[in-house]
Amino acid sequence: METKHLYTFLTAAQTLNFTQTAKMLDYAQSSITAQIKSIEEELGTPLFERLGKRIFLTEAGMQLKHFAEKMIKLDKEMRDAVTGENELKPILTIGAQESQCTYRLPVILQEFIQLHPQVKLIFKPVHTNEIAKNLLQTDTLDLAFITDTRKIVSTIHTETLLEENIMLVAPPTHHLHKKEKLTLEEVAKETILLTEKGCSYRTQFESKFQLEGIYPDNVIEFVSIEAIKQCAIAGLGIALLPRMVVEKELNSGSLLQLPISLALNQIYTEIAWHKDKHIPSYLEDFIQIVRGHYKNIQCKMKET
């Protein structure tokens, strides 16, 4: 049974008019009659009952209509899958902490979208590096930006992009700017604005105090890095932040770096993906755009 004969039958079953069916399918009416007759002969039963000038589906015709609809739909799905005409848009799922999301990635995403407008981008803020690594290992993320000390995970490929500068900042009116060099004891007496637990540089910062047996008097924890920065500008406390977050404020003078040597282990921004991850061409292009962008950042940092 030919598919085109089934399609003709379905059209006739909907119109219940062979003349109208012929016009819709651009066939001669005799061709419509011949195709319907061919199906009836193959099945050995009439599909239409003719009462005067009107036609009606027989019981067999109604049953065939039910199966023909499924067969036509399946035929279309098969052709779309084989030819790729109905192929779903590729999806790229990226994870990063807020600092990368806000201050580094918009330009990268803009360039990528111009190159691959057909790719659907899903961006997932991940609050800690451990969450990012877990999502990579379960293939929930295609790629992640991780800001942390260098840590080897056997299932994850990482590539270093940039060494980050972590600093304590406060508004220029803060009394600690009068000091030539701050001690941990002096910092511990202040209100300290920190990211949530799990952040790599916060963990190191707090461990410095613990090693000295010093415990800050007042710590305020935020989920949002932008909130930390705005509270620091407003004079609500001193903030521990990556330089990229406060670059604009340092240049304008609304925030100043406090004179303390943190001696933290080196913090790097890396891109990471699962070692077994298939890298399609659009993901490779995204990685190349990221490399180029961070190389430009490195050059600018060296100039300053």
C-alpha atoms as a PDB file:
ATOM      1  CA  MET A   1       0.000   0.000   0.000  1.00  0.00           C
ATOM      2  CA  GLU A   2       1.567   3.259  -1.137  1.00  0.00           C
ATOM      3  CA  THR A   3       1.856   6.169   1.286  1.00  0.00           C
ATOM      4  CA  LYS A   4       0.471   8.599  -1.270  1.00  0.00           C
ATOM      5  CA  HIS A   5      -2.651   6.417  -1.570  1.00  0.00           C
ATOM      6  CA  LEU A   6      -3.100   6.571   2.209  1.00  0.00           C
ATOM      7  CA  TYR A   7      -2.735  10.343   2.129  1.00  0.00           C
ATOM      8  CA  THR A   8      -5.375  10.530  -0.607  1.00  0.00           C
ATOM      9  CA  PHE A   9      -7.665   8.299   1.444  1.00  0.00           C
ATOM     10  CA  LEU A  10      -7.261  10.476   4.551  1.00  0.00           C
ATOM     11  CA  THR A  11      -8.045  13.637   2.602  1.00  0.00           C
ATOM     12  CA  ALA A  12     -11.155  12.003   1.130  1.00  0.00           C
ATOM     13  CA  ALA A  13     -12.146  10.733   4.577  1.00  0.00           C
ATOM     14  CA  GLN A  14     -12.014  14.299   5.884  1.00  0.00           C
ATOM     15  CA  THR A  15     -13.817  15.974   2.954  1.00  0.00           C
ATOM     16  CA  LEU A  16     -16.206  13.101   2.093  1.00  0.00           C
ATOM     17  CA  ASN A  17     -16.126  14.558  -1.390  1.00  0.00           C
ATOM     18  CA  PHE A  18     -13.969  13.149  -4.201  1.00  0.00           C
ATOM     19  CA  THR A  19     -14.261  16.325  -6.306  1.00  0.00           C
ATOM     20  CA  GLN A  20     -13.019  18.516  -3.452  1.00  0.00           C
ATOM     21  CA  THR A  21     -10.276  15.996  -2.664  1.00  0.00           C
ATOM     22  CA  ALA A  22      -9.065  16.130  -6.269  1.00  0.00           C
ATOM     23  CA  LYS A  23      -8.852  19.939  -6.147  1.00  0.00           C
ATOM     24  CA  MET A  24      -6.992  19.912  -2.817  1.00  0.00           C
ATOM     25  CA  LEU A  25      -4.421  17.373  -4.010  1.00  0.00           C
ATOM     26  CA  ASP A  26      -4.263  18.675  -7.582  1.00  0.00           C
ATOM     27  CA  TYR A  27      -5.279  15.318  -9.061  1.00  0.00           C
ATOM     28  CA  ALA A  28      -7.846  14.410 -11.671  1.00  0.00           C
ATOM     29  CA  GLN A  29     -10.987  13.065 -10.019  1.00  0.00           C
ATOM     30  CA  SER A  30     -10.491   9.778 -11.894  1.00  0.00           C
ATOM     31  CA  SER A  31      -7.085   9.445 -10.174  1.00  0.00           C
ATOM     32  CA  ILE A  32      -8.713   9.840  -6.741  1.00  0.00           C
ATOM     33  CA  THR A  33     -11.265   7.156  -7.585  1.00  0.00           C
ATOM     34  CA  ALA A  34      -8.521   4.829  -8.861  1.00  0.00           C
ATOM     35  CA  GLN A  35      -6.367   5.251  -5.718  1.00  0.00           C
ATOM     36  CA  ILE A  36      -9.285   4.568  -3.379  1.00  0.00           C
ATOM     37  CA  LYS A  37     -10.278   1.519  -5.455  1.00  0.00           C
ATOM     38  CA  SER A  38      -6.674   0.241  -5.279  1.00  0.00           C
ATOM     39  CA  ILE A  39      -6.757   0.332  -1.469  1.00  0.00           C
ATOM     40  CA  GLU A  40     -10.180  -1.309  -1.322  1.00  0.00           C
ATOM     41  CA  GLU A  41      -9.006  -4.127  -3.591  1.00  0.00           C
ATOM     42  CA  GLU A  42      -5.858  -4.644  -1.503  1.00  0.00           C
ATOM     43  CA  LEU A  43      -7.853  -4.815   1.737  1.00  0.00           C
ATOM     44  CA  GLY A  44     -10.757  -6.699   0.176  1.00  0.00           C
ATOM     45  CA  THR A  45     -13.427  -4.420   1.609  1.00  0.00           C
ATOM     46  CA  PRO A  46     -15.166  -1.157   0.632  1.00  0.00           C
ATOM     47  CA  LEU A  47     -14.018   1.967   2.475  1.00  0.00           C
ATOM     48  CA  PHE A  48     -16.749   4.370   1.369  1.00  0.00           C
ATOM     49  CA  GLU A  49     -20.489   3.879   1.076  1.00  0.00           C
ATOM     50  CA  ARG A  50     -22.170   5.851  -1.700  1.00  0.00           C
ATOM     51  CA  LEU A  51     -25.684   7.137  -1.048  1.00  0.00           C
ATOM     52  CA  GLY A  52     -26.778   9.185  -4.004  1.00  0.00           C
ATOM     53  CA  LYS A  53     -24.288  12.018  -4.506  1.00  0.00           C
ATOM     54  CA  ARG A  54     -22.954  11.720  -0.952  1.00  0.00           C
ATOM     55  CA  ILE A  55     -20.318   9.337   0.418  1.00  0.00           C
ATOM     56  CA  PHE A  56     -19.769   8.046   3.918  1.00  0.00           C
ATOM     57  CA  LEU A  57     -17.023   6.019   5.581  1.00  0.00           C
ATOM     58  CA  THR A  58     -17.830   2.374   6.160  1.00  0.00           C
ATOM     59  CA  GLU A  59     -16.846   0.665   9.410  1.00  0.00           C
ATOM     60  CA  ALA A  60     -13.695  -0.581   7.674  1.00  0.00           C
ATOM     61  CA  GLY A  61     -13.051   2.948   6.384  1.00  0.00           C
ATOM     62  CA  MET A  62     -13.224   4.374   9.911  1.00  0.00           C
ATOM     63  CA  GLN A  63     -10.779   1.759  11.168  1.00  0.00           C
ATOM     64  CA  LEU A  64      -8.394   2.447   8.290  1.00  0.00           C
ATOM     65  CA  LYS A  65      -8.598   6.203   8.981  1.00  0.00           C
ATOM     66  CA  HIS A  66      -7.426   5.592  12.551  1.00  0.00           C
ATOM     67  CA  PHE A  67      -4.384   3.577  11.457  1.00  0.00           C
ATOM     68  CA  ALA A  68      -3.639   5.694   8.377  1.00  0.00           C
ATOM     69  CA  GLU A  69      -3.268   8.811  10.547  1.00  0.00           C
ATOM     70  CA  LYS A  70      -0.657   7.017  12.646  1.00  0.00           C
ATOM     71  CA  MET A  71       1.151   5.706   9.560  1.00  0.00           C
ATOM     72  CA  ILE A  72       1.277   9.121   7.888  1.00  0.00           C
ATOM     73  CA  LYS A  73       2.562  10.720  11.100  1.00  0.00           C
ATOM     74  CA  LEU A  74       5.218   8.031  11.497  1.00  0.00           C
ATOM     75  CA  ASP A  75       6.231   8.417   7.859  1.00  0.00           C
ATOM     76  CA  LYS A  76       6.732  12.168   8.376  1.00  0.00           C
ATOM     77  CA  GLU A  77       8.753  11.635  11.560  1.00  0.00           C
ATOM     78  CA  MET A  78      10.941   9.105   9.751  1.00  0.00           C
ATOM     79  CA  ARG A  79      11.605  11.478   6.841  1.00  0.00           C
ATOM     80  CA  ASP A  80      12.326  14.421   9.161  1.00  0.00           C
ATOM     81  CA  ALA A  81      14.746  12.342  11.231  1.00  0.00           C
ATOM     82  CA  VAL A  82      16.597  11.001   8.186  1.00  0.00           C
ATOM     83  CA  THR A  83      16.808  14.324   6.338  1.00  0.00           C
ATOM     84  CA  GLY A  84      17.339  16.453   9.455  1.00  0.00           C
ATOM     85  CA  GLU A  85      14.628  18.890   8.384  1.00  0.00           C
ATOM     86  CA  ASN A  86      13.031  18.823  11.814  1.00  0.00           C
ATOM     87  CA  GLU A  87      16.238  18.496  13.826  1.00  0.00           C
ATOM     88  CA  LEU A  88      16.096  20.028  17.275  1.00  0.00           C
ATOM     89  CA  LYS A  89      18.329  22.992  17.997  1.00  0.00           C
ATOM     90  CA  PRO A  90      21.562  22.007  19.720  1.00  0.00           C
ATOM     91  CA  ILE A  91      21.696  23.054  23.376  1.00  0.00           C
ATOM     92  CA  LEU A  92      24.772  24.346  25.207  1.00  0.00           C
ATOM     93  CA  THR A  93      24.489  24.365  29.003  1.00  0.00           C
ATOM     94  CA  ILE A  94      27.085  26.436  30.865  1.00  0.00           C
ATOM     95  CA  GLY A  95      27.645  26.874  34.591  1.00  0.00           C
ATOM     96  CA  ALA A  96      29.552  29.571  36.487  1.00  0.00           C
ATOM     97  CA  GLN A  97      29.618  31.520  39.718  1.00  0.00           C
ATOM     98  CA  GLU A  98      28.023  34.957  39.864  1.00  0.00           C
ATOM     99  CA  SER A  99      31.277  36.886  39.431  1.00  0.00           C
ATOM    100  CA  GLN A 100      31.943  35.198  36.076  1.00  0.00           C
ATOM    101  CA  CYS A 101      28.279  35.482  35.063  1.00  0.00           C
ATOM    102  CA  THR A 102      28.187  39.214  35.672  1.00  0.00           C
ATOM    103  CA  TYR A 103      31.643  40.506  34.819  1.00  0.00           C
ATOM    104  CA  ARG A 104      33.193  38.191  32.242  1.00  0.00           C
ATOM    105  CA  LEU A 105      30.636  36.124  30.330  1.00  0.00           C
ATOM    106  CA  PRO A 106      28.221  38.626  28.720  1.00  0.00           C
ATOM    107  CA  VAL A 107      30.768  39.622  26.056  1.00  0.00           C
ATOM    108  CA  ILE A 108      31.677  35.964  25.436  1.00  0.00           C
ATOM    109  CA  LEU A 109      28.042  34.928  25.084  1.00  0.00           C
ATOM    110  CA  GLN A 110      27.323  37.820  22.742  1.00  0.00           C
ATOM    111  CA  GLU A 111      30.173  36.812  20.418  1.00  0.00           C
ATOM    112  CA  PHE A 112      29.119  33.165  20.480  1.00  0.00           C
ATOM    113  CA  ILE A 113      25.468  33.932  19.674  1.00  0.00           C
ATOM    114  CA  GLN A 114      26.551  35.944  16.645  1.00  0.00           C
ATOM    115  CA  LEU A 115      28.560  32.943  15.428  1.00  0.00           C
ATOM    116  CA  HIS A 116      25.983  30.256  16.309  1.00  0.00           C
ATOM    117  CA  PRO A 117      22.490  31.801  16.463  1.00  0.00           C
ATOM    118  CA  GLN A 118      20.956  28.328  16.039  1.00  0.00           C
ATOM    119  CA  VAL A 119      22.374  27.051  19.342  1.00  0.00           C
ATOM    120  CA  LYS A 120      20.127  27.359  22.380  1.00  0.00           C
ATOM    121  CA  LEU A 121      22.085  28.612  25.390  1.00  0.00           C
ATOM    122  CA  ILE A 122      21.146  27.602  28.925  1.00  0.00           C
ATOM    123  CA  PHE A 123      23.087  29.402  31.615  1.00  0.00           C
ATOM    124  CA  LYS A 124      23.120  28.040  35.161  1.00  0.00           C
ATOM    125  CA  PRO A 125      24.639  30.058  38.010  1.00  0.00           C
ATOM    126  CA  VAL A 126      26.395  27.626  40.349  1.00  0.00           C
ATOM    127  CA  HIS A 127      27.216  28.958  43.802  1.00  0.00           C
ATOM    128  CA  THR A 128      30.177  26.729  44.610  1.00  0.00           C
ATOM    129  CA  ASN A 129      32.895  24.932  42.706  1.00  0.00           C
ATOM    130  CA  GLU A 130      31.857  21.576  44.158  1.00  0.00           C
ATOM    131  CA  ILE A 131      28.380  21.995  42.713  1.00  0.00           C
ATOM    132  CA  ALA A 132      29.876  22.795  39.305  1.00  0.00           C
ATOM    133  CA  LYS A 133      32.085  19.693  39.386  1.00  0.00           C
ATOM    134  CA  ASN A 134      29.194  17.460  40.416  1.00  0.00           C
ATOM    135  CA  LEU A 135      27.043  18.816  37.582  1.00  0.00           C
ATOM    136  CA  LEU A 136      29.850  18.192  35.092  1.00  0.00           C
ATOM    137  CA  GLN A 137      30.233  14.603  36.247  1.00  0.00           C
ATOM    138  CA  THR A 138      26.517  13.941  35.794  1.00  0.00           C
ATOM    139  CA  ASP A 139      26.544  15.632  32.357  1.00  0.00           C
ATOM    140  CA  THR A 140      24.074  18.266  33.565  1.00  0.00           C
ATOM    141  CA  LEU A 141      26.533  20.913  32.374  1.00  0.00           C
ATOM    142  CA  ASP A 142      28.438  20.858  29.086  1.00  0.00           C
ATOM    143  CA  LEU A 143      31.069  23.246  30.413  1.00  0.00           C
ATOM    144  CA  ALA A 144      31.727  25.169  33.629  1.00  0.00           C
ATOM    145  CA  PHE A 145      33.801  28.124  34.765  1.00  0.00           C
ATOM    146  CA  ILE A 146      35.512  27.319  38.071  1.00  0.00           C
ATOM    147  CA  THR A 147      37.321  29.847  40.280  1.00  0.00           C
ATOM    148  CA  ASP A 148      39.410  27.891  42.778  1.00  0.00           C
ATOM    149  CA  THR A 149      42.853  26.610  43.667  1.00  0.00           C
ATOM    150  CA  ARG A 150      44.115  23.977  41.256  1.00  0.00           C
ATOM    151  CA  LYS A 151      42.528  20.645  42.114  1.00  0.00           C
ATOM    152  CA  ILE A 152      42.729  17.505  40.018  1.00  0.00           C
ATOM    153  CA  VAL A 153      39.535  15.513  39.491  1.00  0.00           C
ATOM    154  CA  SER A 154      40.180  12.357  37.477  1.00  0.00           C
ATOM    155  CA  THR A 155      36.960  12.589  35.456  1.00  0.00           C
ATOM    156  CA  ILE A 156      37.175  16.317  34.648  1.00  0.00           C
ATOM    157  CA  HIS A 157      39.384  18.117  32.155  1.00  0.00           C
ATOM    158  CA  THR A 158      40.398  21.615  33.300  1.00  0.00           C
ATOM    159  CA  GLU A 159      42.176  24.416  31.488  1.00  0.00           C
ATOM    160  CA  THR A 160      43.569  27.431  33.333  1.00  0.00           C
ATOM    161  CA  LEU A 161      42.479  30.792  31.953  1.00  0.00           C
ATOM    162  CA  LEU A 162      43.640  33.356  34.474  1.00  0.00           C
ATOM    163  CA  GLU A 163      45.109  33.876  37.933  1.00  0.00           C
ATOM    164  CA  GLU A 164      42.639  35.902  40.004  1.00  0.00           C
ATOM    165  CA  ASN A 165      43.543  38.663  42.441  1.00  0.00           C
ATOM    166  CA  ILE A 166      41.519  38.492  45.685  1.00  0.00           C
ATOM    167  CA  MET A 167      41.477  41.588  47.907  1.00  0.00           C
ATOM    168  CA  LEU A 168      39.890  43.281  50.886  1.00  0.00           C
ATOM    169  CA  VAL A 169      38.140  46.525  49.945  1.00  0.00           C
ATOM    170  CA  ALA A 170      36.358  49.326  51.765  1.00  0.00           C
ATOM    171  CA  PRO A 171      35.124  52.853  50.916  1.00  0.00           C
ATOM    172  CA  PRO A 172      37.748  55.635  51.094  1.00  0.00           C
ATOM    173  CA  THR A 173      36.126  57.006  54.282  1.00  0.00           C
ATOM    174  CA  HIS A 174      36.823  53.783  56.204  1.00  0.00           C
ATOM    175  CA  HIS A 175      39.184  54.296  59.146  1.00  0.00           C
ATOM    176  CA  LEU A 176      41.375  51.275  58.243  1.00  0.00           C
ATOM    177  CA  HIS A 177      42.779  53.146  55.249  1.00  0.00           C
ATOM    178  CA  LYS A 178      44.775  55.243  57.713  1.00  0.00           C
ATOM    179  CA  LYS A 179      46.836  52.170  58.602  1.00  0.00           C
ATOM    180  CA  GLU A 180      50.002  51.421  56.664  1.00  0.00           C
ATOM    181  CA  LYS A 181      49.557  47.662  57.066  1.00  0.00           C
ATOM    182  CA  LEU A 182      46.701  45.773  58.684  1.00  0.00           C
ATOM    183  CA  THR A 183      46.960  42.784  60.977  1.00  0.00           C
ATOM    184  CA  LEU A 184      44.452  39.967  61.162  1.00  0.00           C
ATOM    185  CA  GLU A 185      43.520  41.156  64.652  1.00  0.00           C
ATOM    186  CA  GLU A 186      42.538  44.581  63.301  1.00  0.00           C
ATOM    187  CA  VAL A 187      40.515  43.072  60.455  1.00  0.00           C
ATOM    188  CA  ALA A 188      38.759  40.673  62.849  1.00  0.00           C
ATOM    189  CA  LYS A 189      37.323  43.624  64.796  1.00  0.00           C
ATOM    190  CA  GLU A 190      35.476  44.875  61.698  1.00  0.00           C
ATOM    191  CA  THR A 191      32.231  43.758  60.072  1.00  0.00           C
ATOM    192  CA  ILE A 192      33.350  41.477  57.237  1.00  0.00           C
ATOM    193  CA  LEU A 193      31.168  40.918  54.193  1.00  0.00           C
ATOM    194  CA  LEU A 194      31.663  37.450  52.687  1.00  0.00           C
ATOM    195  CA  THR A 195      30.257  35.131  50.064  1.00  0.00           C
ATOM    196  CA  GLU A 196      28.405  32.011  51.193  1.00  0.00           C
ATOM    197  CA  LYS A 197      30.279  28.987  52.545  1.00  0.00           C
ATOM    198  CA  GLY A 198      31.892  26.784  49.915  1.00  0.00           C
ATOM    199  CA  CYS A 199      33.559  29.678  48.106  1.00  0.00           C
ATOM    200  CA  SER A 200      37.266  28.793  47.771  1.00  0.00           C
ATOM    201  CA  TYR A 201      38.732  32.177  48.713  1.00  0.00           C
ATOM    202  CA  ARG A 202      36.370  32.594  51.675  1.00  0.00           C
ATOM    203  CA  THR A 203      37.475  29.164  52.957  1.00  0.00           C
ATOM    204  CA  GLN A 204      41.131  30.173  52.744  1.00  0.00           C
ATOM    205  CA  PHE A 205      40.468  33.577  54.305  1.00  0.00           C
ATOM    206  CA  GLU A 206      38.738  32.066  57.330  1.00  0.00           C
ATOM    207  CA  SER A 207      41.406  29.380  57.728  1.00  0.00           C
ATOM    208  CA  LYS A 208      44.036  32.149  58.132  1.00  0.00           C
ATOM    209  CA  PHE A 209      42.155  33.445  61.157  1.00  0.00           C
ATOM    210  CA  GLN A 210      41.656  29.980  62.614  1.00  0.00           C
ATOM    211  CA  LEU A 211      45.366  29.168  62.352  1.00  0.00           C
ATOM    212  CA  GLU A 212      46.094  32.260  64.438  1.00  0.00           C
ATOM    213  CA  GLY A 213      43.315  31.481  66.907  1.00  0.00           C
ATOM    214  CA  ILE A 214      41.456  34.631  65.862  1.00  0.00           C
ATOM    215  CA  TYR A 215      37.715  34.756  65.259  1.00  0.00           C
ATOM    216  CA  PRO A 216      36.089  37.784  63.549  1.00  0.00           C
ATOM    217  CA  ASP A 217      33.573  39.652  65.676  1.00  0.00           C
ATOM    218  CA  ASN A 218      30.932  40.019  62.957  1.00  0.00           C
ATOM    219  CA  VAL A 219      30.569  38.273  59.594  1.00  0.00           C
ATOM    220  CA  ILE A 220      27.670  38.922  57.237  1.00  0.00           C
ATOM    221  CA  GLU A 221      27.157  36.256  54.587  1.00  0.00           C
ATOM    222  CA  PHE A 222      25.628  37.012  51.178  1.00  0.00           C
ATOM    223  CA  VAL A 223      24.544  34.882  48.253  1.00  0.00           C
ATOM    224  CA  SER A 224      25.029  37.818  45.860  1.00  0.00           C
ATOM    225  CA  ILE A 225      28.473  39.239  45.129  1.00  0.00           C
ATOM    226  CA  GLU A 226      26.859  42.416  43.801  1.00  0.00           C
ATOM    227  CA  ALA A 227      25.087  42.839  47.156  1.00  0.00           C
ATOM    228  CA  ILE A 228      28.425  42.501  48.970  1.00  0.00           C
ATOM    229  CA  LYS A 229      29.968  45.191  46.794  1.00  0.00           C
ATOM    230  CA  GLN A 230      27.080  47.642  47.233  1.00  0.00           C
ATOM    231  CA  CYS A 231      27.079  47.141  51.007  1.00  0.00           C
ATOM    232  CA  ALA A 232      30.822  47.797  51.080  1.00  0.00           C
ATOM    233  CA  ILE A 233      30.361  51.019  49.088  1.00  0.00           C
ATOM    234  CA  ALA A 234      27.647  52.048  51.570  1.00  0.00           C
ATOM    235  CA  GLY A 235      30.126  51.584  54.430  1.00  0.00           C
ATOM    236  CA  LEU A 236      28.443  48.592  56.063  1.00  0.00           C
ATOM    237  CA  GLY A 237      31.682  46.637  56.304  1.00  0.00           C
ATOM    238  CA  ILE A 238      34.836  45.501  54.522  1.00  0.00           C
ATOM    239  CA  ALA A 239      34.509  42.995  51.695  1.00  0.00           C
ATOM    240  CA  LEU A 240      36.616  40.132  50.382  1.00  0.00           C
ATOM    241  CA  LEU A 241      36.156  40.079  46.598  1.00  0.00           C
ATOM    242  CA  PRO A 242      37.972  39.245  43.344  1.00  0.00           C
ATOM    243  CA  ARG A 243      39.490  42.261  41.635  1.00  0.00           C
ATOM    244  CA  MET A 244      37.285  41.722  38.542  1.00  0.00           C
ATOM    245  CA  VAL A 245      34.203  42.493  40.675  1.00  0.00           C
ATOM    246  CA  VAL A 246      35.496  45.838  41.963  1.00  0.00           C
ATOM    247  CA  GLU A 247      37.663  46.980  39.027  1.00  0.00           C
ATOM    248  CA  LYS A 248      35.315  49.827  38.105  1.00  0.00           C
ATOM    249  CA  GLU A 249      34.972  51.000  41.717  1.00  0.00           C
ATOM    250  CA  LEU A 250      38.741  50.925  42.275  1.00  0.00           C
ATOM    251  CA  ASN A 251      39.239  53.066  39.177  1.00  0.00           C
ATOM    252  CA  SER A 252      36.546  55.539  40.251  1.00  0.00           C
ATOM    253  CA  GLY A 253      37.752  55.652  43.866  1.00  0.00           C
ATOM    254  CA  SER A 254      34.454  54.573  45.425  1.00  0.00           C
ATOM    255  CA  LEU A 255      36.316  51.558  46.868  1.00  0.00           C
ATOM    256  CA  LEU A 256      39.963  51.199  47.866  1.00  0.00           C
ATOM    257  CA  GLN A 257      42.077  48.130  48.543  1.00  0.00           C
ATOM    258  CA  LEU A 258      42.941  47.710  52.198  1.00  0.00           C
ATOM    259  CA  PRO A 259      46.665  47.392  53.020  1.00  0.00           C
ATOM    260  CA  ILE A 260      46.861  43.748  54.088  1.00  0.00           C
ATOM    261  CA  SER A 261      48.767  40.843  52.635  1.00  0.00           C
ATOM    262  CA  LEU A 262      46.333  37.929  52.546  1.00  0.00           C
ATOM    263  CA  ALA A 263      48.873  35.317  51.400  1.00  0.00           C
ATOM    264  CA  LEU A 264      46.129  33.121  49.995  1.00  0.00           C
ATOM    265  CA  ASN A 265      46.952  30.150  47.828  1.00  0.00           C
ATOM    266  CA  GLN A 266      46.752  31.131  44.193  1.00  0.00           C
ATOM    267  CA  ILE A 267      43.178  31.259  42.876  1.00  0.00           C
ATOM    268  CA  TYR A 268      42.583  30.547  39.199  1.00  0.00           C
ATOM    269  CA  THR A 269      39.671  30.744  36.840  1.00  0.00           C
ATOM    270  CA  GLU A 270      39.467  27.586  34.766  1.00  0.00           C
ATOM    271  CA  ILE A 271      37.116  26.126  32.193  1.00  0.00           C
ATOM    272  CA  ALA A 272      36.197  22.531  32.764  1.00  0.00           C
ATOM    273  CA  TRP A 273      34.305  19.714  31.075  1.00  0.00           C
ATOM    274  CA  HIS A 274      33.968  15.968  31.500  1.00  0.00           C
ATOM    275  CA  LYS A 275      36.911  14.075  30.027  1.00  0.00           C
ATOM    276  CA  ASP A 276      34.559  11.782  28.101  1.00  0.00           C
ATOM    277  CA  LYS A 277      32.490  14.688  26.786  1.00  0.00           C
ATOM    278  CA  HIS A 278      31.892  14.729  23.034  1.00  0.00           C
ATOM    279  CA  ILE A 279      32.954  18.183  21.823  1.00  0.00           C
ATOM    280  CA  PRO A 280      30.711  19.261  18.926  1.00  0.00           C
ATOM    281  CA  SER A 281      31.932  22.060  16.662  1.00  0.00           C
ATOM    282  CA  TYR A 282      29.824  24.747  18.344  1.00  0.00           C
ATOM    283  CA  LEU A 283      31.244  23.853  21.781  1.00  0.00           C
ATOM    284  CA  GLU A 284      34.775  23.953  20.365  1.00  0.00           C
ATOM    285  CA  ASP A 285      34.016  27.430  18.996  1.00  0.00           C
ATOM    286  CA  PHE A 286      32.749  28.524  22.408  1.00  0.00           C
ATOM    287  CA  ILE A 287      35.969  27.300  24.043  1.00  0.00           C
ATOM    288  CA  GLN A 288      38.064  29.180  21.464  1.00  0.00           C
ATOM    289  CA  ILE A 289      36.112  32.396  22.110  1.00  0.00           C
ATOM    290  CA  VAL A 290      36.682  31.962  25.862  1.00  0.00           C
ATOM    291  CA  ARG A 291      40.428  31.455  25.365  1.00  0.00           C
ATOM    292  CA  GLY A 292      40.717  34.571  23.235  1.00  0.00           C
ATOM    293  CA  HIS A 293      38.723  36.705  25.644  1.00  0.00           C
ATOM    294  CA  TYR A 294      40.735  35.678  28.701  1.00  0.00           C
ATOM    295  CA  LYS A 295      43.990  36.152  26.818  1.00  0.00           C
ATOM    296  CA  ASN A 296      42.953  39.765  26.226  1.00  0.00           C
ATOM    297  CA  ILE A 297      42.189  40.155  29.947  1.00  0.00           C
ATOM    298  CA  GLN A 298      45.663  38.845  30.791  1.00  0.00           C
ATOM    299  CA  CYS A 299      47.261  41.392  28.461  1.00  0.00           C
ATOM    300  CA  LYS A 300      45.315  44.250  30.025  1.00  0.00           C
ATOM    301  CA  MET A 301      46.280  43.099  33.536  1.00  0.00           C
ATOM    302  CA  LYS A 302      49.961  43.078  32.573  1.00  0.00           C
ATOM    303  CA  GLU A 303      49.667  46.588  31.192  1.00  0.00           C
ATOM    304  CA  THR A 304      48.323  47.878  34.502  1.00  0.00           C
END
